[in-house]
């Protein structure tokens, strides 16, 4: 059975994770790895 994913919510989760990293480290130091570590949503969003 397929897993139903709320893609809009996943986008919001990713944005919030990125926002927290940006506020801590600045935009110049932002990496996808940091955002992924802060929120597993990136993996789930790209796989779904």
PDB file of N, CA and C in Angstrom:
ATOM      1  N   UNK A   1       0.839  -1.180   0.000  1.00  0.00           N
ATOM      2  CA  UNK A   1       0.000   0.000   0.000  1.00  0.00           C
ATOM      3  C   UNK A   1       0.892   1.255   0.000  1.00  0.00           C
ATOM      4  N   UNK A   2       0.556   2.202  -0.811  1.00  0.00           N
ATOM      5  CA  UNK A   2       1.339   3.426  -0.957  1.00  0.00           C
ATOM      6  C   UNK A   2       1.183   4.323   0.272  1.00  0.00           C
ATOM      7  N   UNK A   3       2.262   5.011   0.599  1.00  0.00           N
ATOM      8  CA  UNK A   3       2.241   5.975   1.692  1.00  0.00           C
ATOM      9  C   UNK A   3       1.776   7.317   1.139  1.00  0.00           C
ATOM     10  N   UNK A   4       0.795   7.912   1.791  1.00  0.00           N
ATOM     11  CA  UNK A   4       0.294   9.213   1.375  1.00  0.00           C
ATOM     12  C   UNK A   4       1.143  10.288   2.048  1.00  0.00           C
ATOM     13  N   UNK A   5       1.728  11.157   1.237  1.00  0.00           N
ATOM     14  CA  UNK A   5       2.615  12.198   1.734  1.00  0.00           C
ATOM     15  C   UNK A   5       1.994  13.563   1.446  1.00  0.00           C
ATOM     16  N   UNK A   6       1.923  14.376   2.477  1.00  0.00           N
ATOM     17  CA  UNK A   6       1.448  15.753   2.314  1.00  0.00           C
ATOM     18  C   UNK A   6       2.644  16.588   1.860  1.00  0.00           C
ATOM     19  N   UNK A   7       2.789  16.752   0.548  1.00  0.00           N
ATOM     20  CA  UNK A   7       3.962  17.424  -0.007  1.00  0.00           C
ATOM     21  C   UNK A   7       4.048  18.889   0.401  1.00  0.00           C
ATOM     22  N   UNK A   8       2.927  19.547   0.555  1.00  0.00           N
ATOM     23  CA  UNK A   8       2.951  20.952   0.990  1.00  0.00           C
ATOM     24  C   UNK A   8       3.512  21.060   2.404  1.00  0.00           C
ATOM     25  N   UNK A   9       3.128  20.127   3.272  1.00  0.00           N
ATOM     26  CA  UNK A   9       3.652  20.139   4.635  1.00  0.00           C
ATOM     27  C   UNK A   9       5.146  19.834   4.637  1.00  0.00           C
ATOM     28  N   UNK A  10       5.578  18.929   3.789  1.00  0.00           N
ATOM     29  CA  UNK A  10       7.003  18.604   3.697  1.00  0.00           C
ATOM     30  C   UNK A  10       7.806  19.820   3.245  1.00  0.00           C
ATOM     31  N   UNK A  11       7.265  20.577   2.279  1.00  0.00           N
ATOM     32  CA  UNK A  11       7.935  21.801   1.831  1.00  0.00           C
ATOM     33  C   UNK A  11       8.080  22.791   2.986  1.00  0.00           C
ATOM     34  N   UNK A  12       7.015  22.911   3.783  1.00  0.00           N
ATOM     35  CA  UNK A  12       7.054  23.809   4.937  1.00  0.00           C
ATOM     36  C   UNK A  12       8.082  23.337   5.954  1.00  0.00           C
ATOM     37  N   UNK A  13       8.138  22.026   6.191  1.00  0.00           N
ATOM     38  CA  UNK A  13       9.106  21.469   7.139  1.00  0.00           C
ATOM     39  C   UNK A  13      10.535  21.755   6.697  1.00  0.00           C
ATOM     40  N   UNK A  14      10.787  21.593   5.406  1.00  0.00           N
ATOM     41  CA  UNK A  14      12.120  21.866   4.866  1.00  0.00           C
ATOM     42  C   UNK A  14      12.465  23.344   5.029  1.00  0.00           C
ATOM     43  N   UNK A  15      11.525  24.218   4.723  1.00  0.00           N
ATOM     44  CA  UNK A  15      11.752  25.662   4.842  1.00  0.00           C
ATOM     45  C   UNK A  15      12.034  26.061   6.289  1.00  0.00           C
ATOM     46  N   UNK A  16      11.300  25.487   7.230  1.00  0.00           N
ATOM     47  CA  UNK A  16      11.519  25.799   8.634  1.00  0.00           C
ATOM     48  C   UNK A  16      12.882  25.303   9.113  1.00  0.00           C
ATOM     49  N   UNK A  17      13.282  24.137   8.644  1.00  0.00           N
ATOM     50  CA  UNK A  17      14.602  23.618   9.009  1.00  0.00           C
ATOM     51  C   UNK A  17      15.696  24.528   8.458  1.00  0.00           C
ATOM     52  N   UNK A  18      15.541  24.948   7.209  1.00  0.00           N
ATOM     53  CA  UNK A  18      16.524  25.850   6.603  1.00  0.00           C
ATOM     54  C   UNK A  18      16.563  27.184   7.341  1.00  0.00           C
ATOM     55  N   UNK A  19      15.405  27.679   7.709  1.00  0.00           N
ATOM     56  CA  UNK A  19      15.331  28.963   8.417  1.00  0.00           C
ATOM     57  C   UNK A  19      16.105  28.904   9.730  1.00  0.00           C
ATOM     58  N   UNK A  20      15.941  27.819  10.478  1.00  0.00           N
ATOM     59  CA  UNK A  20      16.633  27.724  11.761  1.00  0.00           C
ATOM     60  C   UNK A  20      18.145  27.672  11.575  1.00  0.00           C
ATOM     61  N   UNK A  21      18.615  26.965  10.545  1.00  0.00           N
ATOM     62  CA  UNK A  21      20.049  26.893  10.274  1.00  0.00           C
ATOM     63  C   UNK A  21      20.573  28.265   9.835  1.00  0.00           C
ATOM     64  N   UNK A  22      19.818  28.957   8.997  1.00  0.00           N
ATOM     65  CA  UNK A  22      20.226  30.292   8.536  1.00  0.00           C
ATOM     66  C   UNK A  22      20.338  31.255   9.718  1.00  0.00           C
ATOM     67  N   UNK A  23      19.368  31.194  10.623  1.00  0.00           N
ATOM     68  CA  UNK A  23      19.411  32.088  11.781  1.00  0.00           C
ATOM     69  C   UNK A  23      20.600  31.779  12.679  1.00  0.00           C
ATOM     70  N   UNK A  24      20.997  30.517  12.764  1.00  0.00           N
ATOM     71  CA  UNK A  24      22.129  30.134  13.609  1.00  0.00           C
ATOM     72  C   UNK A  24      23.472  30.446  12.958  1.00  0.00           C
ATOM     73  N   UNK A  25      23.605  30.158  11.655  1.00  0.00           N
ATOM     74  CA  UNK A  25      24.913  30.203  11.005  1.00  0.00           C
ATOM     75  C   UNK A  25      25.051  31.227   9.886  1.00  0.00           C
ATOM     76  N   UNK A  26      23.956  31.785   9.426  1.00  0.00           N
ATOM     77  CA  UNK A  26      23.991  32.706   8.298  1.00  0.00           C
ATOM     78  C   UNK A  26      23.789  31.991   6.975  1.00  0.00           C
ATOM     79  N   UNK A  27      23.314  32.707   5.995  1.00  0.00           N
ATOM     80  CA  UNK A  27      22.978  32.130   4.688  1.00  0.00           C
ATOM     81  C   UNK A  27      24.214  31.624   3.954  1.00  0.00           C
ATOM     82  N   UNK A  28      25.340  32.286   4.141  1.00  0.00           N
ATOM     83  CA  UNK A  28      26.563  31.890   3.439  1.00  0.00           C
ATOM     84  C   UNK A  28      27.088  30.531   3.890  1.00  0.00           C
ATOM     85  N   UNK A  29      26.708  30.124   5.092  1.00  0.00           N
ATOM     86  CA  UNK A  29      27.200  28.864   5.643  1.00  0.00           C
ATOM     87  C   UNK A  29      26.178  27.736   5.566  1.00  0.00           C
ATOM     88  N   UNK A  30      25.052  27.965   4.917  1.00  0.00           N
ATOM     89  CA  UNK A  30      23.991  26.967   4.828  1.00  0.00           C
ATOM     90  C   UNK A  30      24.384  25.844   3.876  1.00  0.00           C
ATOM     91  N   UNK A  31      24.234  24.603   4.330  1.00  0.00           N
ATOM     92  CA  UNK A  31      24.440  23.450   3.455  1.00  0.00           C
ATOM     93  C   UNK A  31      23.204  22.564   3.509  1.00  0.00           C
ATOM     94  N   UNK A  32      22.974  21.833   2.436  1.00  0.00           N
ATOM     95  CA  UNK A  32      21.856  20.901   2.401  1.00  0.00           C
ATOM     96  C   UNK A  32      22.019  19.847   3.490  1.00  0.00           C
ATOM     97  N   UNK A  33      23.235  19.443   3.749  1.00  0.00           N
ATOM     98  CA  UNK A  33      23.496  18.435   4.786  1.00  0.00           C
ATOM     99  C   UNK A  33      23.029  18.926   6.161  1.00  0.00           C
ATOM    100  N   UNK A  34      23.258  20.199   6.460  1.00  0.00           N
ATOM    101  CA  UNK A  34      22.804  20.748   7.742  1.00  0.00           C
ATOM    102  C   UNK A  34      21.285  20.729   7.831  1.00  0.00           C
ATOM    103  N   UNK A  35      20.627  21.114   6.757  1.00  0.00           N
ATOM    104  CA  UNK A  35      19.162  21.135   6.753  1.00  0.00           C
ATOM    105  C   UNK A  35      18.627  19.714   6.866  1.00  0.00           C
ATOM    106  N   UNK A  36      19.237  18.795   6.152  1.00  0.00           N
ATOM    107  CA  UNK A  36      18.799  17.399   6.211  1.00  0.00           C
ATOM    108  C   UNK A  36      18.979  16.829   7.611  1.00  0.00           C
ATOM    109  N   UNK A  37      20.063  17.192   8.252  1.00  0.00           N
ATOM    110  CA  UNK A  37      20.306  16.717   9.608  1.00  0.00           C
ATOM    111  C   UNK A  37      19.273  17.309  10.566  1.00  0.00           C
ATOM    112  N   UNK A  38      18.890  18.545  10.353  1.00  0.00           N
ATOM    113  CA  UNK A  38      17.913  19.198  11.207  1.00  0.00           C
ATOM    114  C   UNK A  38      16.507  18.649  10.983  1.00  0.00           C
ATOM    115  N   UNK A  39      16.260  18.139   9.794  1.00  0.00           N
ATOM    116  CA  UNK A  39      14.912  17.672   9.466  1.00  0.00           C
ATOM    117  C   UNK A  39      15.000  16.591   8.407  1.00  0.00           C
ATOM    118  N   UNK A  40      14.515  15.424   8.706  1.00  0.00           N
ATOM    119  CA  UNK A  40      14.551  14.286   7.773  1.00  0.00           C
ATOM    120  C   UNK A  40      13.621  14.499   6.578  1.00  0.00           C
ATOM    121  N   UNK A  41      12.889  15.606   6.548  1.00  0.00           N
ATOM    122  CA  UNK A  41      11.899  15.849   5.505  1.00  0.00           C
ATOM    123  C   UNK A  41      12.482  15.892   4.107  1.00  0.00           C
ATOM    124  N   UNK A  42      13.726  16.319   3.947  1.00  0.00           N
ATOM    125  CA  UNK A  42      14.317  16.402   2.606  1.00  0.00           C
ATOM    126  C   UNK A  42      14.386  15.020   1.982  1.00  0.00           C
ATOM    127  N   UNK A  43      14.882  14.066   2.721  1.00  0.00           N
ATOM    128  CA  UNK A  43      14.976  12.700   2.191  1.00  0.00           C
ATOM    129  C   UNK A  43      13.589  12.169   1.829  1.00  0.00           C
ATOM    130  N   UNK A  44      12.649  12.342   2.741  1.00  0.00           N
ATOM    131  CA  UNK A  44      11.298  11.842   2.519  1.00  0.00           C
ATOM    132  C   UNK A  44      10.646  12.548   1.322  1.00  0.00           C
ATOM    133  N   UNK A  45      10.881  13.852   1.178  1.00  0.00           N
ATOM    134  CA  UNK A  45      10.268  14.613   0.093  1.00  0.00           C
ATOM    135  C   UNK A  45      10.849  14.211  -1.260  1.00  0.00           C
ATOM    136  N   UNK A  46      12.150  14.011  -1.322  1.00  0.00           N
ATOM    137  CA  UNK A  46      12.757  13.690  -2.612  1.00  0.00           C
ATOM    138  C   UNK A  46      12.497  12.257  -3.015  1.00  0.00           C
ATOM    139  N   UNK A  47      12.277  11.365  -2.066  1.00  0.00           N
ATOM    140  CA  UNK A  47      12.010   9.966  -2.375  1.00  0.00           C
ATOM    141  C   UNK A  47      10.538   9.756  -2.722  1.00  0.00           C
ATOM    142  N   UNK A  48       9.660  10.499  -2.083  1.00  0.00           N
ATOM    143  CA  UNK A  48       8.210  10.293  -2.261  1.00  0.00           C
ATOM    144  C   UNK A  48       7.739  10.713  -3.621  1.00  0.00           C
TER     145      UNK A  48
END
